[in-house]
All heavy atoms as atom14 arrays in JSON, in Angstrom:
{
  "sequence": "AGGRGSRLHNLTDSRAKPAVYFGGKFRIIDF",
  "atom14_mask": [
    [1, 1, 1, 1, 1, 0, 0, 0, 0, 0, 0, 0, 0, 0],
    [1, 1, 1, 1, 0, 0, 0, 0, 0, 0, 0, 0, 0, 0],
    [1, 1, 1, 1, 0, 0, 0, 0, 0, 0, 0, 0, 0, 0],
    [1, 1, 1, 1, 1, 1, 1, 1, 1, 1, 1, 0, 0, 0],
    [1, 1, 1, 1, 0, 0, 0, 0, 0, 0, 0, 0, 0, 0],
    [1, 1, 1, 1, 1, 1, 0, 0, 0, 0, 0, 0, 0, 0],
    [1, 1, 1, 1, 1, 1, 1, 1, 1, 1, 1, 0, 0, 0],
    [1, 1, 1, 1, 1, 1, 1, 1, 0, 0, 0, 0, 0, 0],
    [1, 1, 1, 1, 1, 1, 1, 1, 1, 1, 0, 0, 0, 0],
    [1, 1, 1, 1, 1, 1, 1, 1, 0, 0, 0, 0, 0, 0],
    [1, 1, 1, 1, 1, 1, 1, 1, 0, 0, 0, 0, 0, 0],
    [1, 1, 1, 1, 1, 1, 1, 0, 0, 0, 0, 0, 0, 0],
    [1, 1, 1, 1, 1, 1, 1, 1, 0, 0, 0, 0, 0, 0],
    [1, 1, 1, 1, 1, 1, 0, 0, 0, 0, 0, 0, 0, 0],
    [1, 1, 1, 1, 1, 1, 1, 1, 1, 1, 1, 0, 0, 0],
    [1, 1, 1, 1, 1, 0, 0, 0, 0, 0, 0, 0, 0, 0],
    [1, 1, 1, 1, 1, 1, 1, 1, 1, 0, 0, 0, 0, 0],
    [1, 1, 1, 1, 1, 1, 1, 0, 0, 0, 0, 0, 0, 0],
    [1, 1, 1, 1, 1, 0, 0, 0, 0, 0, 0, 0, 0, 0],
    [1, 1, 1, 1, 1, 1, 1, 0, 0, 0, 0, 0, 0, 0],
    [1, 1, 1, 1, 1, 1, 1, 1, 1, 1, 1, 1, 0, 0],
    [1, 1, 1, 1, 1, 1, 1, 1, 1, 1, 1, 0, 0, 0],
    [1, 1, 1, 1, 0, 0, 0, 0, 0, 0, 0, 0, 0, 0],
    [1, 1, 1, 1, 0, 0, 0, 0, 0, 0, 0, 0, 0, 0],
    [1, 1, 1, 1, 1, 1, 1, 1, 1, 0, 0, 0, 0, 0],
    [1, 1, 1, 1, 1, 1, 1, 1, 1, 1, 1, 0, 0, 0],
    [1, 1, 1, 1, 1, 1, 1, 1, 1, 1, 1, 0, 0, 0],
    [1, 1, 1, 1, 1, 1, 1, 1, 0, 0, 0, 0, 0, 0],
    [1, 1, 1, 1, 1, 1, 1, 1, 0, 0, 0, 0, 0, 0],
    [1, 1, 1, 1, 1, 1, 1, 1, 0, 0, 0, 0, 0, 0],
    [1, 1, 1, 1, 1, 1, 1, 1, 1, 1, 1, 0, 0, 0]
  ],
  "atom14_positions": [
    [[0.82, -1.22, 0.0], [0.0, 0.0, 0.0], [0.85, 1.27, 0.0], [0.43, 2.3, 0.5], [-0.93, 0.0, 1.22], [0.0, 0.0, 0.0], [0.0, 0.0, 0.0], [0.0, 0.0, 0.0], [0.0, 0.0, 0.0], [0.0, 0.0, 0.0], [0.0, 0.0, 0.0], [0.0, 0.0, 0.0], [0.0, 0.0, 0.0], [0.0, 0.0, 0.0]],
    [[2.03, 1.18, -0.58], [2.92, 2.34, -0.57], [2.98, 3.08, -1.88], [3.78, 4.01, -2.03], [0.0, 0.0, 0.0], [0.0, 0.0, 0.0], [0.0, 0.0, 0.0], [0.0, 0.0, 0.0], [0.0, 0.0, 0.0], [0.0, 0.0, 0.0], [0.0, 0.0, 0.0], [0.0, 0.0, 0.0], [0.0, 0.0, 0.0], [0.0, 0.0, 0.0]],
    [[2.13, 2.7, -2.85], [2.2, 3.3, -4.18], [1.74, 4.76, -4.21], [0.8, 5.14, -3.52], [0.0, 0.0, 0.0], [0.0, 0.0, 0.0], [0.0, 0.0, 0.0], [0.0, 0.0, 0.0], [0.0, 0.0, 0.0], [0.0, 0.0, 0.0], [0.0, 0.0, 0.0], [0.0, 0.0, 0.0], [0.0, 0.0, 0.0], [0.0, 0.0, 0.0]],
    [[2.4, 5.54, -5.05], [2.07, 6.95, -5.15], [0.81, 7.2, -5.97], [0.03, 8.09, -5.67], [3.25, 7.71, -5.77], [2.97, 9.19, -5.95], [4.22, 9.94, -6.34], [3.96, 11.37, -6.43], [4.9, 12.29, -6.53], [6.16, 11.92, -6.55], [4.59, 13.56, -6.62], [0.0, 0.0, 0.0], [0.0, 0.0, 0.0], [0.0, 0.0, 0.0]],
    [[0.6, 6.42, -7.04], [-0.57, 6.63, -7.88], [-0.49, 7.93, -8.66], [-1.45, 8.7, -8.7], [0.0, 0.0, 0.0], [0.0, 0.0, 0.0], [0.0, 0.0, 0.0], [0.0, 0.0, 0.0], [0.0, 0.0, 0.0], [0.0, 0.0, 0.0], [0.0, 0.0, 0.0], [0.0, 0.0, 0.0], [0.0, 0.0, 0.0], [0.0, 0.0, 0.0]],
    [[0.65, 8.17, -9.31], [0.86, 9.46, -9.98], [-0.1, 9.7, -11.13], [-0.37, 10.85, -11.48], [2.31, 9.55, -10.49], [2.61, 8.46, -11.36], [0.0, 0.0, 0.0], [0.0, 0.0, 0.0], [0.0, 0.0, 0.0], [0.0, 0.0, 0.0], [0.0, 0.0, 0.0], [0.0, 0.0, 0.0], [0.0, 0.0, 0.0], [0.0, 0.0, 0.0]],
    [[-0.66, 8.63, -11.71], [-1.59, 8.82, -12.83], [-2.93, 9.39, -12.37], [-3.74, 9.81, -13.19], [-1.81, 7.49, -13.56], [-0.58, 6.96, -14.3], [-0.88, 5.66, -15.0], [-1.31, 4.63, -14.05], [-2.06, 3.59, -14.36], [-2.5, 3.43, -15.6], [-2.39, 2.7, -13.45], [0.0, 0.0, 0.0], [0.0, 0.0, 0.0], [0.0, 0.0, 0.0]],
    [[-3.15, 9.4, -11.04], [-4.35, 10.05, -10.5], [-4.12, 11.55, -10.26], [-4.98, 12.24, -9.71], [-4.78, 9.38, -9.2], [-5.49, 8.03, -9.37], [-5.66, 7.35, -8.03], [-6.84, 8.2, -10.06], [0.0, 0.0, 0.0], [0.0, 0.0, 0.0], [0.0, 0.0, 0.0], [0.0, 0.0, 0.0], [0.0, 0.0, 0.0], [0.0, 0.0, 0.0]],
    [[-2.94, 12.01, -10.68], [-2.61, 13.43, -10.63], [-2.82, 14.01, -9.23], [-2.4, 13.42, -8.25], [-3.39, 14.17, -11.72], [-3.03, 13.73, -13.1], [-1.96, 14.23, -13.8], [-3.59, 12.79, -13.92], [-1.86, 13.62, -14.98], [-2.84, 12.75, -15.08], [0.0, 0.0, 0.0], [0.0, 0.0, 0.0], [0.0, 0.0, 0.0], [0.0, 0.0, 0.0]],
    [[-3.48, 15.14, -9.13], [-3.58, 15.85, -7.85], [-4.42, 15.12, -6.81], [-4.39, 15.48, -5.63], [-4.16, 17.25, -8.08], [-3.4, 18.02, -9.13], [-3.61, 17.8, -10.32], [-2.5, 18.91, -8.71], [0.0, 0.0, 0.0], [0.0, 0.0, 0.0], [0.0, 0.0, 0.0], [0.0, 0.0, 0.0], [0.0, 0.0, 0.0], [0.0, 0.0, 0.0]],
    [[-5.13, 14.07, -7.2], [-5.95, 13.32, -6.24], [-5.07, 12.58, -5.22], [-5.53, 12.24, -4.14], [-6.85, 12.33, -6.99], [-8.13, 11.87, -6.29], [-9.0, 13.06, -5.91], [-8.91, 10.92, -7.18], [0.0, 0.0, 0.0], [0.0, 0.0, 0.0], [0.0, 0.0, 0.0], [0.0, 0.0, 0.0], [0.0, 0.0, 0.0], [0.0, 0.0, 0.0]],
    [[-3.8, 12.35, -5.57], [-2.88, 11.69, -4.64], [-1.79, 12.66, -4.15], [-0.72, 12.22, -3.73], [-2.23, 10.45, -5.3], [-1.69, 10.81, -6.58], [-3.26, 9.36, -5.49], [0.0, 0.0, 0.0], [0.0, 0.0, 0.0], [0.0, 0.0, 0.0], [0.0, 0.0, 0.0], [0.0, 0.0, 0.0], [0.0, 0.0, 0.0], [0.0, 0.0, 0.0]],
    [[-2.06, 13.94, -4.18], [-1.09, 14.9, -3.65], [-0.91, 14.76, -2.15], [0.18, 15.01, -1.61], [-1.54, 16.34, -3.97], [-1.13, 16.77, -5.37], [-0.39, 16.02, -6.03], [-1.56, 17.85, -5.8], [0.0, 0.0, 0.0], [0.0, 0.0, 0.0], [0.0, 0.0, 0.0], [0.0, 0.0, 0.0], [0.0, 0.0, 0.0], [0.0, 0.0, 0.0]],
    [[-1.96, 14.37, -1.44], [-1.89, 14.31, 0.02], [-2.19, 12.92, 0.57], [-2.31, 12.76, 1.78], [-2.87, 15.31, 0.64], [-4.2, 15.01, 0.25], [0.0, 0.0, 0.0], [0.0, 0.0, 0.0], [0.0, 0.0, 0.0], [0.0, 0.0, 0.0], [0.0, 0.0, 0.0], [0.0, 0.0, 0.0], [0.0, 0.0, 0.0], [0.0, 0.0, 0.0]],
    [[-2.28, 11.92, -0.3], [-2.61, 10.57, 0.16], [-2.05, 9.55, -0.81], [-1.88, 9.82, -2.0], [-4.13, 10.4, 0.29], [-4.87, 10.6, -1.01], [-6.38, 10.43, -0.87], [-7.01, 11.56, -0.19], [-7.54, 12.6, -0.83], [-7.47, 12.7, -2.16], [-8.12, 13.56, -0.14], [0.0, 0.0, 0.0], [0.0, 0.0, 0.0], [0.0, 0.0, 0.0]],
    [[-1.76, 8.35, -0.3], [-1.35, 7.25, -1.16], [-2.56, 6.73, -1.94], [-3.71, 6.88, -1.51], [-0.74, 6.12, -0.33], [0.0, 0.0, 0.0], [0.0, 0.0, 0.0], [0.0, 0.0, 0.0], [0.0, 0.0, 0.0], [0.0, 0.0, 0.0], [0.0, 0.0, 0.0], [0.0, 0.0, 0.0], [0.0, 0.0, 0.0], [0.0, 0.0, 0.0]],
    [[-2.3, 6.1, -3.07], [-3.39, 5.61, -3.91], [-4.34, 4.67, -3.17], [-5.57, 4.78, -3.31], [-2.83, 4.93, -5.16], [-3.91, 4.42, -6.12], [-3.29, 3.72, -7.31], [-4.34, 3.06, -8.19], [-3.73, 2.25, -9.28], [0.0, 0.0, 0.0], [0.0, 0.0, 0.0], [0.0, 0.0, 0.0], [0.0, 0.0, 0.0], [0.0, 0.0, 0.0]],
    [[-3.86, 3.73, -2.34], [-4.81, 2.86, -1.62], [-5.73, 3.61, -0.67], [-6.78, 3.08, -0.29], [-3.89, 1.9, -0.85], [-2.62, 1.88, -1.63], [-2.47, 3.28, -2.15], [0.0, 0.0, 0.0], [0.0, 0.0, 0.0], [0.0, 0.0, 0.0], [0.0, 0.0, 0.0], [0.0, 0.0, 0.0], [0.0, 0.0, 0.0], [0.0, 0.0, 0.0]],
    [[-5.37, 4.84, -0.28], [-6.21, 5.62, 0.63], [-7.21, 6.5, -0.1], [-7.99, 7.21, 0.55], [-5.33, 6.49, 1.53], [0.0, 0.0, 0.0], [0.0, 0.0, 0.0], [0.0, 0.0, 0.0], [0.0, 0.0, 0.0], [0.0, 0.0, 0.0], [0.0, 0.0, 0.0], [0.0, 0.0, 0.0], [0.0, 0.0, 0.0], [0.0, 0.0, 0.0]],
    [[-7.23, 6.47, -1.42], [-8.17, 7.28, -2.19], [-9.59, 6.79, -1.94], [-9.85, 5.58, -1.85], [-7.82, 7.22, -3.69], [-8.92, 7.86, -4.54], [-6.49, 7.92, -3.95], [0.0, 0.0, 0.0], [0.0, 0.0, 0.0], [0.0, 0.0, 0.0], [0.0, 0.0, 0.0], [0.0, 0.0, 0.0], [0.0, 0.0, 0.0], [0.0, 0.0, 0.0]],
    [[-10.52, 7.72, -1.82], [-11.93, 7.4, -1.58], [-12.54, 6.69, -2.78], [-12.17, 6.95, -3.93], [-12.71, 8.68, -1.3], [-12.31, 9.4, -0.04], [-11.35, 10.41, -0.08], [-12.87, 9.08, 1.18], [-10.97, 11.08, 1.08], [-12.5, 9.75, 2.34], [-11.54, 10.74, 2.28], [-11.17, 11.39, 3.42], [0.0, 0.0, 0.0], [0.0, 0.0, 0.0]],
    [[-13.53, 5.8, -2.5], [-14.2, 5.1, -3.58], [-15.6, 4.68, -3.14], [-15.82, 4.26, -2.0], [-13.41, 3.85, -4.0], [-14.04, 3.11, -5.16], [-13.8, 3.52, -6.46], [-14.89, 2.04, -4.94], [-14.39, 2.86, -7.53], [-15.48, 1.38, -5.99], [-15.24, 1.8, -7.29], [0.0, 0.0, 0.0], [0.0, 0.0, 0.0], [0.0, 0.0, 0.0]],
    [[-16.56, 4.82, -4.05], [-17.88, 4.22, -3.87], [-18.76, 4.85, -2.82], [-19.64, 4.18, -2.28], [0.0, 0.0, 0.0], [0.0, 0.0, 0.0], [0.0, 0.0, 0.0], [0.0, 0.0, 0.0], [0.0, 0.0, 0.0], [0.0, 0.0, 0.0], [0.0, 0.0, 0.0], [0.0, 0.0, 0.0], [0.0, 0.0, 0.0], [0.0, 0.0, 0.0]],
    [[-18.55, 6.12, -2.51], [-19.45, 6.81, -1.61], [-19.06, 6.78, -0.14], [-19.43, 7.68, 0.61], [0.0, 0.0, 0.0], [0.0, 0.0, 0.0], [0.0, 0.0, 0.0], [0.0, 0.0, 0.0], [0.0, 0.0, 0.0], [0.0, 0.0, 0.0], [0.0, 0.0, 0.0], [0.0, 0.0, 0.0], [0.0, 0.0, 0.0], [0.0, 0.0, 0.0]],
    [[-18.29, 5.75, 0.29], [-17.95, 5.67, 1.71], [-16.66, 4.91, 1.98], [-16.17, 4.91, 3.11], [-19.08, 5.03, 2.49], [-19.39, 3.6, 2.1], [-20.61, 3.05, 2.84], [-20.36, 2.9, 4.31], [-21.51, 2.28, 5.01], [0.0, 0.0, 0.0], [0.0, 0.0, 0.0], [0.0, 0.0, 0.0], [0.0, 0.0, 0.0], [0.0, 0.0, 0.0]],
    [[-16.09, 4.25, 0.99], [-14.95, 3.36, 1.21], [-13.63, 4.04, 0.82], [-13.6, 5.12, 0.25], [-15.12, 2.08, 0.38], [-16.45, 1.4, 0.57], [-17.44, 1.53, -0.39], [-16.71, 0.65, 1.7], [-18.67, 0.92, -0.22], [-17.94, 0.04, 1.88], [-18.92, 0.17, 0.91], [0.0, 0.0, 0.0], [0.0, 0.0, 0.0], [0.0, 0.0, 0.0]],
    [[-12.54, 3.36, 1.15], [-11.21, 3.63, 0.59], [-10.85, 2.42, -0.29], [-11.32, 1.3, -0.05], [-10.16, 3.81, 1.68], [-10.48, 4.87, 2.72], [-10.36, 6.28, 2.2], [-10.53, 7.25, 3.28], [-9.57, 8.06, 3.73], [-8.38, 8.03, 3.17], [-9.8, 8.92, 4.71], [0.0, 0.0, 0.0], [0.0, 0.0, 0.0], [0.0, 0.0, 0.0]],
    [[-9.98, 2.63, -1.27], [-9.66, 1.55, -2.2], [-9.1, 0.34, -1.45], [-9.43, -0.82, -1.76], [-8.68, 2.03, -3.28], [-9.36, 3.08, -4.18], [-8.18, 0.87, -4.13], [-8.44, 3.71, -5.21], [0.0, 0.0, 0.0], [0.0, 0.0, 0.0], [0.0, 0.0, 0.0], [0.0, 0.0, 0.0], [0.0, 0.0, 0.0], [0.0, 0.0, 0.0]],
    [[-8.28, 0.56, -0.44], [-7.66, -0.56, 0.27], [-8.68, -1.43, 1.0], [-8.42, -2.61, 1.29], [-6.6, -0.05, 1.26], [-5.69, -1.21, 1.7], [-7.25, 0.65, 2.46], [-4.51, -0.79, 2.55], [0.0, 0.0, 0.0], [0.0, 0.0, 0.0], [0.0, 0.0, 0.0], [0.0, 0.0, 0.0], [0.0, 0.0, 0.0], [0.0, 0.0, 0.0]],
    [[-9.86, -0.89, 1.28], [-10.88, -1.67, 1.99], [-11.26, -2.94, 1.24], [-11.67, -3.93, 1.86], [-12.14, -0.83, 2.21], [-11.92, 0.29, 3.22], [-11.11, 0.11, 4.14], [-12.57, 1.35, 3.08], [0.0, 0.0, 0.0], [0.0, 0.0, 0.0], [0.0, 0.0, 0.0], [0.0, 0.0, 0.0], [0.0, 0.0, 0.0], [0.0, 0.0, 0.0]],
    [[-11.13, -2.94, -0.08], [-11.54, -4.11, -0.86], [-10.57, -5.27, -0.64], [-11.0, -6.41, -0.4], [-11.67, -3.74, -2.33], [-12.87, -2.88, -2.6], [-12.81, -1.5, -2.45], [-14.08, -3.44, -2.97], [-13.92, -0.7, -2.66], [-15.21, -2.66, -3.18], [-15.12, -1.29, -3.02], [0.0, 0.0, 0.0], [0.0, 0.0, 0.0], [0.0, 0.0, 0.0]]
  ]
}
């Protein structure tokens, strides 16, 4: 869960890609 996720551009400026919000209430890593 250490990936930067640079292709998500500014959405990962302050968070790692697994911590990005998804689906109304989750984080990606929750899956």
